[in-house]
Amino acid sequence: MMRDATWILLKPIITEKTTALKEASRTVCFAVRRDANKTEIKRAVEQLFKVKVRSVRTQNMVGKTRRVGRNFGSTGDWKKAYVTLREGEKMIEYFEAV
């Protein structure tokens, strides 16, 4: 099933860790749909940013319990993907795509 690239990639994750990974090992991190698989993520990054992807690693993140006063709730579960680019490809700048 072919899905739209902008539907699969939700947002880039920009933290100190992901910035260091971007500079050191050509790896960028995205929040993705929970039902997206590695092949769909690879196709979406290649289509949106016009680069070649070497590998994709995914991680399911469990939502955290939060408390406000007497009330408890939790944040939703989500999925993130670490995308490594091939050598010689230009590094992704997040504001170049759609």
C-alpha atoms as a PDB file:
ATOM      1  CA  MET A   1       0.000   0.000   0.000  1.00  0.00           C
ATOM      2  CA  MET A   2       1.527   3.305  -1.093  1.00  0.00           C
ATOM      3  CA  ARG A   3       0.984   6.201   1.315  1.00  0.00           C
ATOM      4  CA  ASP A   4       1.825   9.874   1.018  1.00  0.00           C
ATOM      5  CA  ALA A   5       5.270  10.862   2.329  1.00  0.00           C
ATOM      6  CA  THR A   6       3.936  13.816   4.309  1.00  0.00           C
ATOM      7  CA  TRP A   7       1.454  11.496   6.025  1.00  0.00           C
ATOM      8  CA  ILE A   8       4.229   9.136   7.208  1.00  0.00           C
ATOM      9  CA  LEU A   9       6.781  11.697   8.474  1.00  0.00           C
ATOM     10  CA  LEU A  10       5.156  13.779  11.197  1.00  0.00           C
ATOM     11  CA  LYS A  11       8.004  16.077  12.277  1.00  0.00           C
ATOM     12  CA  PRO A  12      11.768  16.175  12.734  1.00  0.00           C
ATOM     13  CA  ILE A  13      13.082  15.625  16.239  1.00  0.00           C
ATOM     14  CA  ILE A  14      15.632  18.320  17.038  1.00  0.00           C
ATOM     15  CA  THR A  15      17.502  17.750  20.309  1.00  0.00           C
ATOM     16  CA  GLU A  16      21.117  17.886  21.396  1.00  0.00           C
ATOM     17  CA  LYS A  17      21.456  14.143  20.798  1.00  0.00           C
ATOM     18  CA  THR A  18      19.992  14.213  17.286  1.00  0.00           C
ATOM     19  CA  THR A  19      22.059  17.271  16.346  1.00  0.00           C
ATOM     20  CA  ALA A  20      25.233  15.451  17.418  1.00  0.00           C
ATOM     21  CA  LEU A  21      24.151  12.354  15.437  1.00  0.00           C
ATOM     22  CA  LYS A  22      23.480  14.514  12.390  1.00  0.00           C
ATOM     23  CA  GLU A  23      26.989  15.949  12.467  1.00  0.00           C
ATOM     24  CA  ALA A  24      28.878  12.786  13.454  1.00  0.00           C
ATOM     25  CA  SER A  25      27.182   9.934  11.611  1.00  0.00           C
ATOM     26  CA  ARG A  26      24.890  11.495   8.968  1.00  0.00           C
ATOM     27  CA  THR A  27      21.804  10.359  10.882  1.00  0.00           C
ATOM     28  CA  VAL A  28      18.582  12.356  11.221  1.00  0.00           C
ATOM     29  CA  CYS A  29      15.612  11.608  13.456  1.00  0.00           C
ATOM     30  CA  PHE A  30      11.886  11.920  12.704  1.00  0.00           C
ATOM     31  CA  ALA A  31       8.645  11.291  14.565  1.00  0.00           C
ATOM     32  CA  VAL A  32       6.668   8.941  12.301  1.00  0.00           C
ATOM     33  CA  ARG A  33       3.271   7.255  12.223  1.00  0.00           C
ATOM     34  CA  ARG A  34       3.029   4.283  14.560  1.00  0.00           C
ATOM     35  CA  ASP A  35       1.911   1.950  11.759  1.00  0.00           C
ATOM     36  CA  ALA A  36       4.641   3.009   9.289  1.00  0.00           C
ATOM     37  CA  ASN A  37       7.294   0.407   8.499  1.00  0.00           C
ATOM     38  CA  LYS A  38      10.966   0.900   7.598  1.00  0.00           C
ATOM     39  CA  THR A  39      10.396   0.610   3.849  1.00  0.00           C
ATOM     40  CA  GLU A  40       7.701   3.294   3.876  1.00  0.00           C
ATOM     41  CA  ILE A  41       9.868   5.598   5.994  1.00  0.00           C
ATOM     42  CA  LYS A  42      12.806   5.132   3.616  1.00  0.00           C
ATOM     43  CA  ARG A  43      10.657   5.921   0.570  1.00  0.00           C
ATOM     44  CA  ALA A  44       9.144   8.979   2.266  1.00  0.00           C
ATOM     45  CA  VAL A  45      12.544  10.497   3.168  1.00  0.00           C
ATOM     46  CA  GLU A  46      13.939   9.815  -0.321  1.00  0.00           C
ATOM     47  CA  GLN A  47      10.871  11.348  -1.965  1.00  0.00           C
ATOM     48  CA  LEU A  48      10.623  14.465   0.228  1.00  0.00           C
ATOM     49  CA  PHE A  49      14.304  15.364   0.569  1.00  0.00           C
ATOM     50  CA  LYS A  50      15.695  13.911  -2.706  1.00  0.00           C
ATOM     51  CA  VAL A  51      18.479  11.927  -0.957  1.00  0.00           C
ATOM     52  CA  LYS A  52      19.499   8.246  -0.834  1.00  0.00           C
ATOM     53  CA  VAL A  53      18.975   6.436   2.475  1.00  0.00           C
ATOM     54  CA  ARG A  54      21.399   3.781   3.719  1.00  0.00           C
ATOM     55  CA  SER A  55      19.434   2.471   6.716  1.00  0.00           C
ATOM     56  CA  VAL A  56      16.434   3.109   8.926  1.00  0.00           C
ATOM     57  CA  ARG A  57      16.149   2.206  12.607  1.00  0.00           C
ATOM     58  CA  THR A  58      12.824   2.579  14.416  1.00  0.00           C
ATOM     59  CA  GLN A  59      11.974   2.827  18.079  1.00  0.00           C
ATOM     60  CA  ASN A  60       8.553   2.618  19.721  1.00  0.00           C
ATOM     61  CA  MET A  61       8.247   5.155  22.524  1.00  0.00           C
ATOM     62  CA  VAL A  62       5.851   4.433  25.391  1.00  0.00           C
ATOM     63  CA  GLY A  63       3.796   7.384  26.625  1.00  0.00           C
ATOM     64  CA  LYS A  64       4.584   8.782  30.056  1.00  0.00           C
ATOM     65  CA  THR A  65       2.214   9.128  32.991  1.00  0.00           C
ATOM     66  CA  ARG A  66       1.550  12.762  33.862  1.00  0.00           C
ATOM     67  CA  ARG A  67      -0.145  14.312  36.850  1.00  0.00           C
ATOM     68  CA  VAL A  68      -1.948  17.633  37.217  1.00  0.00           C
ATOM     69  CA  GLY A  69      -3.217  18.091  40.771  1.00  0.00           C
ATOM     70  CA  ARG A  70      -5.224  15.019  41.719  1.00  0.00           C
ATOM     71  CA  ASN A  71      -5.728  13.915  38.137  1.00  0.00           C
ATOM     72  CA  PHE A  72      -3.552  11.421  36.310  1.00  0.00           C
ATOM     73  CA  GLY A  73      -3.243  11.067  32.566  1.00  0.00           C
ATOM     74  CA  SER A  74      -0.706   9.910  30.059  1.00  0.00           C
ATOM     75  CA  THR A  75       0.885  11.138  26.888  1.00  0.00           C
ATOM     76  CA  GLY A  76       0.314   9.035  23.813  1.00  0.00           C
ATOM     77  CA  ASP A  77       2.596   6.294  22.535  1.00  0.00           C
ATOM     78  CA  TRP A  78       4.622   7.298  19.474  1.00  0.00           C
ATOM     79  CA  LYS A  79       7.323   6.049  17.126  1.00  0.00           C
ATOM     80  CA  LYS A  80      10.594   7.605  16.009  1.00  0.00           C
ATOM     81  CA  ALA A  81      12.915   6.708  13.171  1.00  0.00           C
ATOM     82  CA  TYR A  82      16.658   7.235  12.885  1.00  0.00           C
ATOM     83  CA  VAL A  83      17.490   7.598   9.179  1.00  0.00           C
ATOM     84  CA  THR A  84      21.131   7.236   8.064  1.00  0.00           C
ATOM     85  CA  LEU A  85      22.056   8.778   4.712  1.00  0.00           C
ATOM     86  CA  ARG A  86      24.492   7.301   2.197  1.00  0.00           C
ATOM     87  CA  GLU A  87      27.983   8.747   1.855  1.00  0.00           C
ATOM     88  CA  GLY A  88      28.164  11.604  -0.628  1.00  0.00           C
ATOM     89  CA  GLU A  89      24.532  12.689  -0.124  1.00  0.00           C
ATOM     90  CA  LYS A  90      23.812  16.236   0.963  1.00  0.00           C
ATOM     91  CA  MET A  91      22.690  16.558   4.565  1.00  0.00           C
ATOM     92  CA  ILE A  92      18.986  17.184   5.119  1.00  0.00           C
ATOM     93  CA  GLU A  93      18.025  20.695   6.117  1.00  0.00           C
ATOM     94  CA  TYR A  94      14.553  20.471   7.613  1.00  0.00           C
ATOM     95  CA  PHE A  95      13.184  23.627   6.002  1.00  0.00           C
ATOM     96  CA  GLU A  96      13.932  22.562   2.397  1.00  0.00           C
ATOM     97  CA  ALA A  97      10.974  20.197   2.021  1.00  0.00           C
ATOM     98  CA  VAL A  98       7.287  20.976   1.587  1.00  0.00           C
END
